[in-house]
C-alpha atoms as a PDB file:
ATOM      1  CA  UNK A   1      -9.245  -4.356   8.472  1.00  0.00           C
ATOM      2  CA  UNK A   2      -8.135  -3.531   5.013  1.00  0.00           C
ATOM      3  CA  UNK A   3      -7.690  -7.118   3.676  1.00  0.00           C
ATOM      4  CA  UNK A   4      -9.763  -6.903   0.660  1.00  0.00           C
ATOM      5  CA  UNK A   5      -8.864  -3.258  -0.159  1.00  0.00           C
ATOM      6  CA  UNK A   6      -5.201  -3.540   0.227  1.00  0.00           C
ATOM      7  CA  UNK A   7      -4.960  -7.331  -0.880  1.00  0.00           C
ATOM      8  CA  UNK A   8      -3.446  -8.290   2.723  1.00  0.00           C
ATOM      9  CA  UNK A   9      -2.521 -11.741   4.342  1.00  0.00           C
ATOM     10  CA  UNK A  10      -3.925 -12.201   7.285  1.00  0.00           C
ATOM     11  CA  UNK A  11      -0.319 -12.476   8.739  1.00  0.00           C
ATOM     12  CA  UNK A  12       0.104  -9.170   7.290  1.00  0.00           C
ATOM     13  CA  UNK A  13      -2.526  -7.185   8.723  1.00  0.00           C
ATOM     14  CA  UNK A  14      -2.145  -8.836  11.889  1.00  0.00           C
ATOM     15  CA  UNK A  15       1.537  -7.303  12.593  1.00  0.00           C
ATOM     16  CA  UNK A  16       0.453  -4.173  11.153  1.00  0.00           C
ATOM     17  CA  UNK A  17       2.067  -0.573  13.068  1.00  0.00           C
ATOM     18  CA  UNK A  18       0.279   2.551  13.030  1.00  0.00           C
ATOM     19  CA  UNK A  19       3.316   4.131  11.435  1.00  0.00           C
ATOM     20  CA  UNK A  20       3.046   1.628   8.229  1.00  0.00           C
ATOM     21  CA  UNK A  21      -0.303   3.636   7.401  1.00  0.00           C
ATOM     22  CA  UNK A  22       0.776   7.048   5.523  1.00  0.00           C
ATOM     23  CA  UNK A  23      -2.564   8.363   5.107  1.00  0.00           C
ATOM     24  CA  UNK A  24      -1.102  11.200   2.590  1.00  0.00           C
ATOM     25  CA  UNK A  25       0.559   9.476   0.126  1.00  0.00           C
ATOM     26  CA  UNK A  26      -2.542   6.697   0.674  1.00  0.00           C
ATOM     27  CA  UNK A  27      -0.350   3.683   1.112  1.00  0.00           C
ATOM     28  CA  UNK A  28       0.303   0.809   3.459  1.00  0.00           C
ATOM     29  CA  UNK A  29       4.272  -0.343   4.365  1.00  0.00           C
ATOM     30  CA  UNK A  30       4.163  -3.882   4.132  1.00  0.00           C
ATOM     31  CA  UNK A  31       7.357  -4.849   5.978  1.00  0.00           C
ATOM     32  CA  UNK A  32       8.837  -8.823   6.129  1.00  0.00           C
ATOM     33  CA  UNK A  33       5.745  -9.906   4.363  1.00  0.00           C
ATOM     34  CA  UNK A  34       6.071 -13.460   2.412  1.00  0.00           C
ATOM     35  CA  UNK A  35       9.638 -14.187   1.359  1.00  0.00           C
ATOM     36  CA  UNK A  36      11.011 -11.931   4.045  1.00  0.00           C
ATOM     37  CA  UNK A  37      10.436  -9.074   1.434  1.00  0.00           C
ATOM     38  CA  UNK A  38       8.683  -5.384   2.087  1.00  0.00           C
ATOM     39  CA  UNK A  39       6.254  -4.015  -0.158  1.00  0.00           C
ATOM     40  CA  UNK A  40       3.714  -0.905  -0.352  1.00  0.00           C
ATOM     41  CA  UNK A  41       0.472  -1.386  -1.290  1.00  0.00           C
ATOM     42  CA  UNK A  42      -2.525   1.177  -1.841  1.00  0.00           C
ATOM     43  CA  UNK A  43      -4.819   2.506   1.048  1.00  0.00           C
ATOM     44  CA  UNK A  44      -8.423   3.264  -0.275  1.00  0.00           C
ATOM     45  CA  UNK A  45     -10.123   6.486   0.532  1.00  0.00           C
ATOM     46  CA  UNK A  46     -12.824   4.390   2.688  1.00  0.00           C
ATOM     47  CA  UNK A  47     -10.390   2.698   4.868  1.00  0.00           C
ATOM     48  CA  UNK A  48      -8.243   5.896   5.764  1.00  0.00           C
ATOM     49  CA  UNK A  49     -11.949   7.576   6.884  1.00  0.00           C
ATOM     50  CA  UNK A  50     -12.320   4.203   8.441  1.00  0.00           C
ATOM     51  CA  UNK A  51      -8.724   4.132  10.363  1.00  0.00           C
ATOM     52  CA  UNK A  52      -9.209   7.858  11.303  1.00  0.00           C
ATOM     53  CA  UNK A  53     -12.094   6.998  13.405  1.00  0.00           C
ATOM     54  CA  UNK A  54     -10.410   3.971  14.712  1.00  0.00           C
ATOM     55  CA  UNK A  55      -7.293   5.843  15.624  1.00  0.00           C
ATOM     56  CA  UNK A  56      -9.685   8.424  17.740  1.00  0.00           C
ATOM     57  CA  UNK A  57     -11.300   5.757  19.259  1.00  0.00           C
ATOM     58  CA  UNK A  58      -8.546   3.103  19.960  1.00  0.00           C
ATOM     59  CA  UNK A  59      -5.210   5.195  20.008  1.00  0.00           C
ATOM     60  CA  UNK A  60      -3.106   2.070  18.756  1.00  0.00           C
ATOM     61  CA  UNK A  61       0.772   2.638  19.834  1.00  0.00           C
ATOM     62  CA  UNK A  62       2.965  -0.585  19.382  1.00  0.00           C
ATOM     63  CA  UNK A  63       0.134  -2.260  16.921  1.00  0.00           C
ATOM     64  CA  UNK A  64      -2.736  -1.097  14.657  1.00  0.00           C
ATOM     65  CA  UNK A  65      -4.519  -4.328  16.428  1.00  0.00           C
ATOM     66  CA  UNK A  66      -3.530  -5.279  19.506  1.00  0.00           C
ATOM     67  CA  UNK A  67      -4.173  -8.106  20.915  1.00  0.00           C
ATOM     68  CA  UNK A  68      -6.040  -8.928  24.483  1.00  0.00           C
ATOM     69  CA  UNK A  69      -2.546  -8.086  25.572  1.00  0.00           C
ATOM     70  CA  UNK A  70      -2.021  -4.872  24.183  1.00  0.00           C
ATOM     71  CA  UNK A  71       1.794  -5.817  24.075  1.00  0.00           C
ATOM     72  CA  UNK A  72       0.680  -8.134  21.621  1.00  0.00           C
ATOM     73  CA  UNK A  73      -0.942  -7.882  18.464  1.00  0.00           C
ATOM     74  CA  UNK A  74      -4.162  -9.648  17.286  1.00  0.00           C
ATOM     75  CA  UNK A  75      -3.794 -13.250  16.365  1.00  0.00           C
ATOM     76  CA  UNK A  76      -4.931 -14.494  13.016  1.00  0.00           C
ATOM     77  CA  UNK A  77      -7.132 -17.197  14.376  1.00  0.00           C
ATOM     78  CA  UNK A  78      -9.177 -13.941  15.887  1.00  0.00           C
ATOM     79  CA  UNK A  79      -9.216 -12.448  12.390  1.00  0.00           C
ATOM     80  CA  UNK A  80     -10.237 -15.770  10.719  1.00  0.00           C
ATOM     81  CA  UNK A  81     -12.962 -15.989  13.847  1.00  0.00           C
ATOM     82  CA  UNK A  82     -14.223 -12.197  13.416  1.00  0.00           C
ATOM     83  CA  UNK A  83     -14.433 -12.870   9.407  1.00  0.00           C
ATOM     84  CA  UNK A  84     -16.515 -16.342  10.024  1.00  0.00           C
ATOM     85  CA  UNK A  85     -19.104 -14.276  12.569  1.00  0.00           C
ATOM     86  CA  UNK A  86     -19.231 -11.824   9.659  1.00  0.00           C
ATOM     87  CA  UNK A  87     -20.208 -15.130   7.193  1.00  0.00           C
ATOM     88  CA  UNK A  88     -22.580 -15.958   9.306  1.00  0.00           C
ATOM     89  CA  UNK A  89     -24.430 -12.478   9.969  1.00  0.00           C
ATOM     90  CA  UNK A  90     -24.563 -11.900   6.093  1.00  0.00           C
ATOM     91  CA  UNK A  91     -25.609 -15.606   5.680  1.00  0.00           C
ATOM     92  CA  UNK A  92     -22.928 -16.292   3.367  1.00  0.00           C
ATOM     93  CA  UNK A  93     -23.583 -20.058   2.817  1.00  0.00           C
ATOM     94  CA  UNK A  94     -20.379 -20.629   0.928  1.00  0.00           C
ATOM     95  CA  UNK A  95     -17.228 -21.909   2.477  1.00  0.00           C
ATOM     96  CA  UNK A  96     -14.708 -19.198   2.118  1.00  0.00           C
ATOM     97  CA  UNK A  97     -11.934 -18.065   4.231  1.00  0.00           C
ATOM     98  CA  UNK A  98     -10.417 -14.440   4.546  1.00  0.00           C
ATOM     99  CA  UNK A  99      -7.527 -15.308   2.185  1.00  0.00           C
ATOM    100  CA  UNK A 100     -10.774 -15.426  -0.496  1.00  0.00           C
ATOM    101  CA  UNK A 101     -10.985 -11.550   0.051  1.00  0.00           C
ATOM    102  CA  UNK A 102      -7.778 -10.843  -1.630  1.00  0.00           C
ATOM    103  CA  UNK A 103      -8.219 -13.313  -4.518  1.00  0.00           C
ATOM    104  CA  UNK A 104     -11.929 -11.558  -4.858  1.00  0.00           C
ATOM    105  CA  UNK A 105     -10.225  -8.185  -4.826  1.00  0.00           C
ATOM    106  CA  UNK A 106      -7.614  -9.331  -7.657  1.00  0.00           C
ATOM    107  CA  UNK A 107     -10.240 -10.521  -9.774  1.00  0.00           C
ATOM    108  CA  UNK A 108     -12.348  -7.688  -9.595  1.00  0.00           C
ATOM    109  CA  UNK A 109      -9.143  -5.634 -10.423  1.00  0.00           C
ATOM    110  CA  UNK A 110      -8.267  -7.842 -13.712  1.00  0.00           C
ATOM    111  CA  UNK A 111     -11.996  -7.963 -14.965  1.00  0.00           C
ATOM    112  CA  UNK A 112     -11.778  -4.266 -15.163  1.00  0.00           C
ATOM    113  CA  UNK A 113      -8.725  -4.007 -17.272  1.00  0.00           C
ATOM    114  CA  UNK A 114      -5.950  -3.405 -14.368  1.00  0.00           C
ATOM    115  CA  UNK A 115      -2.829  -5.017 -15.633  1.00  0.00           C
ATOM    116  CA  UNK A 116      -1.639  -8.050 -14.512  1.00  0.00           C
ATOM    117  CA  UNK A 117       1.797  -7.068 -13.539  1.00  0.00           C
ATOM    118  CA  UNK A 118       0.889  -4.254 -11.129  1.00  0.00           C
ATOM    119  CA  UNK A 119      -1.535  -6.323  -9.491  1.00  0.00           C
ATOM    120  CA  UNK A 120       1.550  -8.835  -9.384  1.00  0.00           C
ATOM    121  CA  UNK A 121       3.660  -5.897  -7.492  1.00  0.00           C
ATOM    122  CA  UNK A 122       0.894  -4.952  -5.462  1.00  0.00           C
ATOM    123  CA  UNK A 123       0.004  -8.599  -3.991  1.00  0.00           C
ATOM    124  CA  UNK A 124       3.651  -9.111  -3.478  1.00  0.00           C
ATOM    125  CA  UNK A 125       4.194 -12.202  -5.691  1.00  0.00           C
ATOM    126  CA  UNK A 126       7.632 -12.953  -6.982  1.00  0.00           C
ATOM    127  CA  UNK A 127       6.154 -14.843 -10.083  1.00  0.00           C
ATOM    128  CA  UNK A 128       3.991 -13.984 -12.903  1.00  0.00           C
ATOM    129  CA  UNK A 129       2.607 -17.350 -12.690  1.00  0.00           C
ATOM    130  CA  UNK A 130       1.687 -17.139  -9.128  1.00  0.00           C
ATOM    131  CA  UNK A 131      -0.239 -13.999 -10.090  1.00  0.00           C
ATOM    132  CA  UNK A 132      -2.217 -15.793 -12.890  1.00  0.00           C
ATOM    133  CA  UNK A 133      -4.033 -18.095 -11.436  1.00  0.00           C
ATOM    134  CA  UNK A 134      -6.363 -14.938 -11.410  1.00  0.00           C
ATOM    135  CA  UNK A 135      -6.400 -14.753 -15.409  1.00  0.00           C
ATOM    136  CA  UNK A 136      -7.551 -18.913 -15.064  1.00  0.00           C
ATOM    137  CA  UNK A 137     -10.362 -17.548 -12.445  1.00  0.00           C
ATOM    138  CA  UNK A 138     -11.955 -14.729 -14.632  1.00  0.00           C
ATOM    139  CA  UNK A 139     -11.722 -16.715 -17.839  1.00  0.00           C
ATOM    140  CA  UNK A 140     -13.539 -19.303 -16.241  1.00  0.00           C
ATOM    141  CA  UNK A 141     -16.421 -16.696 -15.178  1.00  0.00           C
ATOM    142  CA  UNK A 142     -16.069 -15.306 -18.710  1.00  0.00           C
ATOM    143  CA  UNK A 143     -16.583 -19.320 -20.079  1.00  0.00           C
ATOM    144  CA  UNK A 144     -19.938 -19.631 -17.510  1.00  0.00           C
END
């Protein structure tokens, strides 16, 4: 799932539809995100390849990630459980949640010199104050 590389919230990724993915323009259209706003975020080449393989195998129709019943999307709890299992397999002892992937990627971009305003737009933050948490995290790491 493109949570890390596209900075998606769990609530956003579960509601993705196949038509929200634009592999040509390398974009994901997030509809009615937090604050009922639409936004676009980036789609990496690696995720495009994974999606192509996924579409070939599962042929999603209504939802990109279907739940047990095809007319329903996967639940946020199911995504969290998958993430917890992956952390166990990877022997990650630290307490982390799915949302931490979003924070990690934003912090990595900031540390790579990406402008905070650009990060704010892609994350869908209304206020730059919300995005500024990443400058604090980044500065704390630098101090360490």
